[in-house]
């Protein structure tokens, strides 16, 4: 069972697709968040929540049709079930990002370059990478269940 799980997760093609879909999701997240802040004057924190959910919906749709297209039962109820699980997984990924950024910033380090403290930015890509791997594993195992025959 462990070997089957590792083999299923080790698919370079599937992982590459997942990362590509994540990049598309990031564009939707940033675009939606920016449009809500700049265009409608919505408070940044609320705009970010909406942007994240738009990205989650877009990423689910693409993953459903492309990354994991050969997995999962068809029909509205199984698809809705996967959508709900995906939302829960991705929400967990957002929580992990927050905790990683918060934890790394608690280290109170400083990396000053040209008068700017890069340590304010360094935790962000680390958090994104951490949640990406968590999301890939959880989406693979819980949402699309890659180890099912």
N, C-alpha and C. Protein backbone atom coordinates (compact mmCIF):
# COMPACT_ATOMS: atom_id res chain seq x y z
N UNK A 1 0.82 -1.20 0.00
CA UNK A 1 0.00 0.00 0.00
C UNK A 1 0.87 1.26 0.00
N UNK A 2 1.95 1.26 0.80
CA UNK A 2 2.83 2.42 0.85
C UNK A 2 3.51 2.62 -0.49
N UNK A 3 3.98 1.53 -1.08
CA UNK A 3 4.66 1.61 -2.38
C UNK A 3 3.70 2.14 -3.46
N UNK A 4 2.46 1.67 -3.44
CA UNK A 4 1.45 2.13 -4.40
C UNK A 4 1.20 3.63 -4.24
N UNK A 5 1.13 4.09 -3.00
CA UNK A 5 0.90 5.51 -2.73
C UNK A 5 2.07 6.34 -3.21
N UNK A 6 3.28 5.92 -2.89
CA UNK A 6 4.47 6.65 -3.33
C UNK A 6 4.54 6.70 -4.85
N UNK A 7 4.28 5.56 -5.50
CA UNK A 7 4.30 5.53 -6.97
C UNK A 7 3.26 6.48 -7.56
N UNK A 8 2.07 6.50 -6.98
CA UNK A 8 1.00 7.38 -7.49
C UNK A 8 1.38 8.85 -7.31
N UNK A 9 1.99 9.19 -6.19
CA UNK A 9 2.38 10.58 -5.94
C UNK A 9 3.61 10.99 -6.74
N UNK A 10 4.43 10.03 -7.13
CA UNK A 10 5.69 10.33 -7.81
C UNK A 10 5.52 10.60 -9.30
N UNK A 11 4.32 10.66 -9.79
CA UNK A 11 4.09 10.93 -11.21
C UNK A 11 4.57 12.34 -11.56
N UNK A 12 5.67 12.40 -12.29
CA UNK A 12 6.21 13.70 -12.69
C UNK A 12 5.27 14.47 -13.59
N UNK A 13 4.58 13.76 -14.46
CA UNK A 13 3.63 14.42 -15.37
C UNK A 13 2.48 15.03 -14.57
N UNK A 14 1.91 14.24 -13.66
CA UNK A 14 0.79 14.76 -12.86
C UNK A 14 1.24 15.93 -11.99
N UNK A 15 2.41 15.80 -11.37
CA UNK A 15 2.90 16.89 -10.52
C UNK A 15 3.15 18.15 -11.36
N UNK A 16 3.71 17.99 -12.55
CA UNK A 16 3.93 19.14 -13.43
C UNK A 16 2.63 19.83 -13.81
N UNK A 17 1.62 19.03 -14.11
CA UNK A 17 0.30 19.60 -14.41
C UNK A 17 -0.24 20.35 -13.20
N UNK A 18 -0.10 19.74 -12.02
CA UNK A 18 -0.61 20.34 -10.79
C UNK A 18 0.05 21.70 -10.54
N UNK A 19 1.38 21.77 -10.71
CA UNK A 19 2.09 23.02 -10.52
C UNK A 19 1.65 24.06 -11.55
N UNK A 20 1.46 23.64 -12.80
CA UNK A 20 0.99 24.55 -13.85
C UNK A 20 -0.38 25.11 -13.51
N UNK A 21 -1.26 24.24 -13.03
CA UNK A 21 -2.60 24.68 -12.64
C UNK A 21 -2.49 25.67 -11.47
N UNK A 22 -1.57 25.42 -10.56
CA UNK A 22 -1.35 26.34 -9.45
C UNK A 22 -0.94 27.72 -9.92
N UNK A 23 -0.11 27.77 -10.97
CA UNK A 23 0.31 29.06 -11.52
C UNK A 23 -0.89 29.81 -12.11
N UNK A 24 -1.76 29.07 -12.80
CA UNK A 24 -2.98 29.68 -13.34
C UNK A 24 -3.85 30.20 -12.18
N UNK A 25 -3.96 29.39 -11.13
CA UNK A 25 -4.73 29.80 -9.96
C UNK A 25 -4.16 31.07 -9.33
N UNK A 26 -2.84 31.17 -9.27
CA UNK A 26 -2.21 32.36 -8.69
C UNK A 26 -2.57 33.61 -9.50
N UNK A 27 -2.60 33.48 -10.81
CA UNK A 27 -2.97 34.62 -11.66
C UNK A 27 -4.42 35.03 -11.38
N UNK A 28 -5.31 34.06 -11.28
CA UNK A 28 -6.72 34.38 -10.98
C UNK A 28 -6.85 35.01 -9.59
N UNK A 29 -6.11 34.49 -8.63
CA UNK A 29 -6.14 35.02 -7.26
C UNK A 29 -5.69 36.48 -7.26
N UNK A 30 -4.52 36.73 -7.83
CA UNK A 30 -3.98 38.10 -7.82
C UNK A 30 -4.84 39.06 -8.62
N UNK A 31 -5.34 38.60 -9.77
CA UNK A 31 -6.17 39.47 -10.61
C UNK A 31 -7.47 39.82 -9.91
N UNK A 32 -8.13 38.82 -9.35
CA UNK A 32 -9.40 39.07 -8.66
C UNK A 32 -9.19 39.96 -7.45
N UNK A 33 -8.18 39.65 -6.66
CA UNK A 33 -7.90 40.45 -5.45
C UNK A 33 -7.61 41.90 -5.82
N UNK A 34 -6.77 42.09 -6.82
CA UNK A 34 -6.41 43.45 -7.24
C UNK A 34 -7.63 44.19 -7.78
N UNK A 35 -8.43 43.53 -8.60
CA UNK A 35 -9.63 44.17 -9.16
C UNK A 35 -10.60 44.60 -8.06
N UNK A 36 -10.75 43.75 -7.06
CA UNK A 36 -11.67 44.09 -5.96
C UNK A 36 -11.15 45.26 -5.12
N UNK A 37 -9.85 45.30 -4.91
CA UNK A 37 -9.27 46.38 -4.11
C UNK A 37 -9.27 47.68 -4.89
N UNK A 38 -8.71 47.63 -6.10
CA UNK A 38 -8.54 48.85 -6.89
C UNK A 38 -9.85 49.29 -7.53
N UNK A 39 -10.58 48.34 -8.10
CA UNK A 39 -11.80 48.70 -8.83
C UNK A 39 -13.01 48.97 -7.95
N UNK A 40 -13.13 48.22 -6.85
CA UNK A 40 -14.33 48.35 -6.01
C UNK A 40 -14.04 48.88 -4.61
N UNK A 41 -12.77 49.04 -4.29
CA UNK A 41 -12.42 49.59 -2.98
C UNK A 41 -12.68 48.65 -1.81
N UNK A 42 -12.70 47.36 -2.07
CA UNK A 42 -12.95 46.38 -1.01
C UNK A 42 -11.68 46.23 -0.17
N UNK A 43 -11.86 46.09 1.12
CA UNK A 43 -10.75 45.91 2.05
C UNK A 43 -9.88 44.73 1.60
N UNK A 44 -8.57 44.90 1.64
CA UNK A 44 -7.63 43.91 1.13
C UNK A 44 -7.83 42.50 1.65
N UNK A 45 -8.09 42.37 2.95
CA UNK A 45 -8.25 41.04 3.53
C UNK A 45 -9.47 40.32 2.95
N UNK A 46 -10.55 41.05 2.75
CA UNK A 46 -11.76 40.45 2.18
C UNK A 46 -11.56 40.14 0.69
N UNK A 47 -10.90 41.06 0.01
CA UNK A 47 -10.63 40.85 -1.41
C UNK A 47 -9.76 39.61 -1.58
N UNK A 48 -8.80 39.41 -0.69
CA UNK A 48 -7.91 38.25 -0.77
C UNK A 48 -8.69 36.96 -0.57
N UNK A 49 -9.64 36.95 0.34
CA UNK A 49 -10.47 35.75 0.54
C UNK A 49 -11.26 35.41 -0.72
N UNK A 50 -11.83 36.42 -1.35
CA UNK A 50 -12.58 36.19 -2.59
C UNK A 50 -11.63 35.73 -3.70
N UNK A 51 -10.48 36.38 -3.81
CA UNK A 51 -9.50 35.99 -4.81
C UNK A 51 -9.04 34.55 -4.62
N UNK A 52 -8.81 34.15 -3.38
CA UNK A 52 -8.39 32.78 -3.10
C UNK A 52 -9.48 31.79 -3.50
N UNK A 53 -10.73 32.10 -3.21
CA UNK A 53 -11.81 31.18 -3.55
C UNK A 53 -12.00 31.09 -5.07
N UNK A 54 -11.87 32.21 -5.76
CA UNK A 54 -11.95 32.17 -7.23
C UNK A 54 -10.85 31.25 -7.76
N UNK A 55 -9.64 31.39 -7.23
CA UNK A 55 -8.53 30.55 -7.66
C UNK A 55 -8.80 29.08 -7.36
N UNK A 56 -9.37 28.79 -6.19
CA UNK A 56 -9.68 27.42 -5.82
C UNK A 56 -10.68 26.80 -6.80
N UNK A 57 -11.70 27.56 -7.16
CA UNK A 57 -12.71 27.07 -8.11
C UNK A 57 -12.07 26.82 -9.48
N UNK A 58 -11.27 27.76 -9.95
CA UNK A 58 -10.62 27.62 -11.26
C UNK A 58 -9.68 26.42 -11.24
N UNK A 59 -8.87 26.29 -10.18
CA UNK A 59 -7.92 25.18 -10.12
C UNK A 59 -8.65 23.84 -10.04
N UNK A 60 -9.75 23.79 -9.31
CA UNK A 60 -10.52 22.55 -9.26
C UNK A 60 -10.99 22.17 -10.66
N UNK A 61 -11.56 23.14 -11.37
CA UNK A 61 -12.11 22.86 -12.71
C UNK A 61 -11.02 22.34 -13.65
N UNK A 62 -9.85 22.96 -13.61
CA UNK A 62 -8.77 22.53 -14.51
C UNK A 62 -8.23 21.17 -14.07
N UNK A 63 -8.01 21.01 -12.77
CA UNK A 63 -7.52 19.72 -12.28
C UNK A 63 -8.50 18.60 -12.59
N UNK A 64 -9.77 18.88 -12.47
CA UNK A 64 -10.82 17.88 -12.74
C UNK A 64 -10.78 17.44 -14.20
N UNK A 65 -10.54 18.38 -15.10
CA UNK A 65 -10.58 18.08 -16.54
C UNK A 65 -9.23 17.70 -17.14
N UNK A 66 -8.13 17.99 -16.40
CA UNK A 66 -6.82 17.79 -17.02
C UNK A 66 -5.90 16.96 -16.12
N UNK A 67 -5.52 17.49 -14.97
CA UNK A 67 -4.54 16.83 -14.12
C UNK A 67 -5.00 15.45 -13.67
N UNK A 68 -6.24 15.37 -13.20
CA UNK A 68 -6.77 14.12 -12.64
C UNK A 68 -7.94 13.60 -13.47
N UNK A 69 -7.97 13.91 -14.75
CA UNK A 69 -9.13 13.61 -15.60
C UNK A 69 -9.50 12.13 -15.64
N UNK A 70 -8.53 11.26 -15.46
CA UNK A 70 -8.82 9.82 -15.54
C UNK A 70 -9.33 9.25 -14.21
N UNK A 71 -9.43 10.09 -13.19
CA UNK A 71 -9.81 9.61 -11.86
C UNK A 71 -11.18 10.14 -11.44
N UNK A 72 -11.82 9.40 -10.60
CA UNK A 72 -13.09 9.85 -10.03
C UNK A 72 -14.29 9.50 -10.88
N UNK A 73 -15.36 9.19 -10.20
CA UNK A 73 -16.61 8.86 -10.88
C UNK A 73 -17.19 10.12 -11.53
N UNK A 74 -17.89 9.92 -12.64
CA UNK A 74 -18.51 11.05 -13.31
C UNK A 74 -19.88 11.30 -12.71
N UNK A 75 -20.44 12.44 -13.04
CA UNK A 75 -21.77 12.81 -12.57
C UNK A 75 -21.71 13.95 -11.58
N UNK A 76 -22.85 14.60 -11.40
CA UNK A 76 -22.89 15.80 -10.56
C UNK A 76 -22.53 15.54 -9.09
N UNK A 77 -23.05 14.48 -8.48
CA UNK A 77 -22.78 14.25 -7.06
C UNK A 77 -21.33 13.89 -6.76
N UNK A 78 -20.71 12.97 -7.51
CA UNK A 78 -19.29 12.71 -7.26
C UNK A 78 -18.42 13.95 -7.51
N UNK A 79 -18.76 14.72 -8.54
CA UNK A 79 -17.99 15.94 -8.84
C UNK A 79 -18.16 16.95 -7.72
N UNK A 80 -19.37 17.13 -7.24
CA UNK A 80 -19.62 18.04 -6.12
C UNK A 80 -18.86 17.58 -4.87
N UNK A 81 -18.84 16.29 -4.63
CA UNK A 81 -18.11 15.75 -3.49
C UNK A 81 -16.61 16.07 -3.60
N UNK A 82 -16.05 15.89 -4.79
CA UNK A 82 -14.64 16.22 -5.00
C UNK A 82 -14.41 17.72 -4.83
N UNK A 83 -15.34 18.53 -5.31
CA UNK A 83 -15.22 19.99 -5.19
C UNK A 83 -15.18 20.40 -3.72
N UNK A 84 -16.05 19.83 -2.91
CA UNK A 84 -16.08 20.17 -1.48
C UNK A 84 -14.77 19.73 -0.81
N UNK A 85 -14.33 18.49 -1.12
CA UNK A 85 -13.06 18.03 -0.54
C UNK A 85 -11.91 18.92 -0.98
N UNK A 86 -11.89 19.32 -2.26
CA UNK A 86 -10.84 20.18 -2.76
C UNK A 86 -10.83 21.52 -2.04
N UNK A 87 -12.00 22.08 -1.81
CA UNK A 87 -12.08 23.35 -1.08
C UNK A 87 -11.53 23.20 0.33
N UNK A 88 -11.84 22.10 0.99
CA UNK A 88 -11.33 21.87 2.34
C UNK A 88 -9.81 21.71 2.33
N UNK A 89 -9.32 20.93 1.36
CA UNK A 89 -7.86 20.74 1.23
C UNK A 89 -7.18 22.09 1.00
N UNK A 90 -7.68 22.85 0.05
CA UNK A 90 -7.06 24.14 -0.29
C UNK A 90 -7.15 25.14 0.86
N UNK A 91 -8.24 25.09 1.61
CA UNK A 91 -8.36 25.95 2.79
C UNK A 91 -7.29 25.57 3.81
N UNK A 92 -7.05 24.28 3.95
CA UNK A 92 -5.97 23.82 4.82
C UNK A 92 -4.62 24.31 4.32
N UNK A 93 -4.44 24.32 3.01
CA UNK A 93 -3.20 24.83 2.42
C UNK A 93 -3.00 26.31 2.72
N UNK A 94 -4.07 27.08 2.68
CA UNK A 94 -3.97 28.50 3.03
C UNK A 94 -3.59 28.67 4.49
N UNK A 95 -4.17 27.85 5.36
CA UNK A 95 -3.82 27.90 6.78
C UNK A 95 -2.35 27.56 6.99
N UNK A 96 -1.86 26.56 6.27
CA UNK A 96 -0.44 26.19 6.36
C UNK A 96 0.44 27.35 5.90
N UNK A 97 0.06 27.99 4.81
CA UNK A 97 0.84 29.16 4.35
C UNK A 97 0.91 30.22 5.44
N UNK A 98 -0.22 30.53 6.02
CA UNK A 98 -0.26 31.55 7.08
C UNK A 98 0.65 31.15 8.24
N UNK A 99 0.56 29.89 8.68
CA UNK A 99 1.36 29.44 9.82
C UNK A 99 2.86 29.45 9.50
N UNK A 100 3.23 29.06 8.29
CA UNK A 100 4.64 29.09 7.91
C UNK A 100 5.17 30.53 7.89
N UNK A 101 4.43 31.43 7.26
CA UNK A 101 4.86 32.83 7.21
C UNK A 101 4.96 33.39 8.62
N UNK A 102 3.94 33.15 9.41
CA UNK A 102 3.93 33.66 10.80
C UNK A 102 5.09 33.08 11.59
N UNK A 103 5.31 31.78 11.46
CA UNK A 103 6.39 31.13 12.19
C UNK A 103 7.76 31.64 11.78
N UNK A 104 8.00 31.78 10.49
CA UNK A 104 9.29 32.26 10.02
C UNK A 104 9.51 33.72 10.39
N UNK A 105 8.47 34.50 10.38
CA UNK A 105 8.62 35.91 10.78
C UNK A 105 8.88 36.05 12.28
N UNK A 106 8.46 35.07 13.06
CA UNK A 106 8.73 35.08 14.50
C UNK A 106 10.21 34.89 14.80
N UNK A 107 10.95 34.37 13.82
CA UNK A 107 12.39 34.17 14.02
C UNK A 107 13.13 35.50 14.15
N UNK A 108 12.48 36.58 13.75
CA UNK A 108 13.03 37.93 13.88
C UNK A 108 14.40 38.05 13.24
N UNK A 109 14.52 37.53 12.03
CA UNK A 109 15.74 37.64 11.26
C UNK A 109 15.66 38.88 10.37
N UNK A 110 16.79 39.23 9.81
CA UNK A 110 16.83 40.38 8.93
C UNK A 110 17.82 40.10 7.80
N UNK A 111 17.39 40.37 6.58
CA UNK A 111 18.25 40.24 5.40
C UNK A 111 18.09 41.55 4.63
N UNK A 112 18.92 42.53 4.98
CA UNK A 112 18.78 43.86 4.41
C UNK A 112 19.61 43.98 3.14
N UNK A 113 18.95 44.38 2.06
CA UNK A 113 19.60 44.61 0.78
C UNK A 113 19.13 45.97 0.27
N UNK A 114 20.07 46.87 0.04
CA UNK A 114 19.76 48.23 -0.41
C UNK A 114 18.71 48.89 0.48
N UNK A 115 18.83 48.68 1.77
CA UNK A 115 17.94 49.32 2.73
C UNK A 115 16.59 48.65 2.90
N UNK A 116 16.34 47.56 2.18
CA UNK A 116 15.05 46.86 2.31
C UNK A 116 15.28 45.50 2.96
N UNK A 117 14.45 45.19 3.93
CA UNK A 117 14.57 43.92 4.64
C UNK A 117 13.85 42.82 3.85
N UNK A 118 14.63 42.02 3.13
CA UNK A 118 14.06 40.94 2.32
C UNK A 118 13.38 39.87 3.18
N UNK A 119 13.69 39.83 4.48
CA UNK A 119 13.08 38.81 5.33
C UNK A 119 11.56 38.98 5.38
N UNK A 120 11.06 40.15 5.03
CA UNK A 120 9.61 40.34 4.96
C UNK A 120 9.01 39.56 3.79
N UNK A 121 9.82 39.28 2.76
CA UNK A 121 9.34 38.57 1.58
C UNK A 121 9.76 37.10 1.54
N UNK A 122 10.91 36.78 2.08
CA UNK A 122 11.46 35.42 1.99
C UNK A 122 10.50 34.34 2.49
N UNK A 123 9.78 34.53 3.58
CA UNK A 123 8.87 33.46 4.03
C UNK A 123 7.73 33.14 3.06
N UNK A 124 7.37 34.07 2.20
CA UNK A 124 6.21 33.86 1.32
C UNK A 124 6.43 32.74 0.32
N UNK A 125 7.52 32.74 -0.46
CA UNK A 125 7.70 31.60 -1.38
C UNK A 125 7.94 30.28 -0.64
N UNK A 126 8.54 30.34 0.53
CA UNK A 126 8.71 29.12 1.33
C UNK A 126 7.34 28.57 1.71
N UNK A 127 6.45 29.44 2.13
CA UNK A 127 5.09 29.03 2.52
C UNK A 127 4.32 28.50 1.31
N UNK A 128 4.47 29.15 0.17
CA UNK A 128 3.78 28.69 -1.04
C UNK A 128 4.27 27.30 -1.42
N UNK A 129 5.58 27.10 -1.39
CA UNK A 129 6.13 25.78 -1.73
C UNK A 129 5.64 24.71 -0.75
N UNK A 130 5.65 25.03 0.53
CA UNK A 130 5.18 24.07 1.53
C UNK A 130 3.73 23.69 1.33
N UNK A 131 2.88 24.68 1.09
CA UNK A 131 1.46 24.38 0.91
C UNK A 131 1.21 23.70 -0.44
N UNK A 132 2.05 24.00 -1.45
CA UNK A 132 1.89 23.34 -2.75
C UNK A 132 2.10 21.83 -2.60
N UNK A 133 3.15 21.44 -1.90
CA UNK A 133 3.40 20.01 -1.71
C UNK A 133 2.31 19.37 -0.86
N UNK A 134 1.88 20.06 0.18
CA UNK A 134 0.78 19.55 1.00
C UNK A 134 -0.49 19.41 0.16
N UNK A 135 -0.80 20.44 -0.62
CA UNK A 135 -1.99 20.39 -1.47
C UNK A 135 -1.90 19.27 -2.49
N UNK A 136 -0.73 19.07 -3.08
CA UNK A 136 -0.58 18.01 -4.08
C UNK A 136 -0.85 16.65 -3.45
N UNK A 137 -0.27 16.40 -2.31
CA UNK A 137 -0.46 15.11 -1.64
C UNK A 137 -1.92 14.94 -1.23
N UNK A 138 -2.49 15.97 -0.59
CA UNK A 138 -3.87 15.86 -0.11
C UNK A 138 -4.87 15.79 -1.26
N UNK A 139 -4.67 16.59 -2.30
CA UNK A 139 -5.59 16.53 -3.44
C UNK A 139 -5.49 15.16 -4.11
N UNK A 140 -4.28 14.66 -4.26
CA UNK A 140 -4.09 13.35 -4.89
C UNK A 140 -4.75 12.24 -4.10
N UNK A 141 -4.55 12.25 -2.79
CA UNK A 141 -5.03 11.15 -1.95
C UNK A 141 -6.48 11.31 -1.50
N UNK A 142 -6.89 12.54 -1.20
CA UNK A 142 -8.22 12.73 -0.62
C UNK A 142 -9.27 13.17 -1.65
N UNK A 143 -8.89 14.06 -2.56
CA UNK A 143 -9.88 14.58 -3.51
C UNK A 143 -10.05 13.61 -4.67
N UNK A 144 -8.95 13.26 -5.33
CA UNK A 144 -9.07 12.40 -6.52
C UNK A 144 -8.69 10.94 -6.25
N UNK A 145 -8.18 10.67 -5.09
CA UNK A 145 -7.90 9.30 -4.63
C UNK A 145 -7.12 8.49 -5.67
N UNK A 146 -5.91 8.94 -5.94
CA UNK A 146 -5.08 8.33 -6.99
C UNK A 146 -4.70 6.87 -6.71
N UNK A 147 -4.85 6.43 -5.49
CA UNK A 147 -4.45 5.05 -5.18
C UNK A 147 -5.60 4.06 -5.35
N UNK A 148 -6.79 4.56 -5.67
CA UNK A 148 -7.91 3.64 -5.94
C UNK A 148 -7.76 3.02 -7.29
N UNK A 149 -8.13 1.77 -7.40
CA UNK A 149 -8.04 1.08 -8.69
C UNK A 149 -9.18 1.48 -9.59
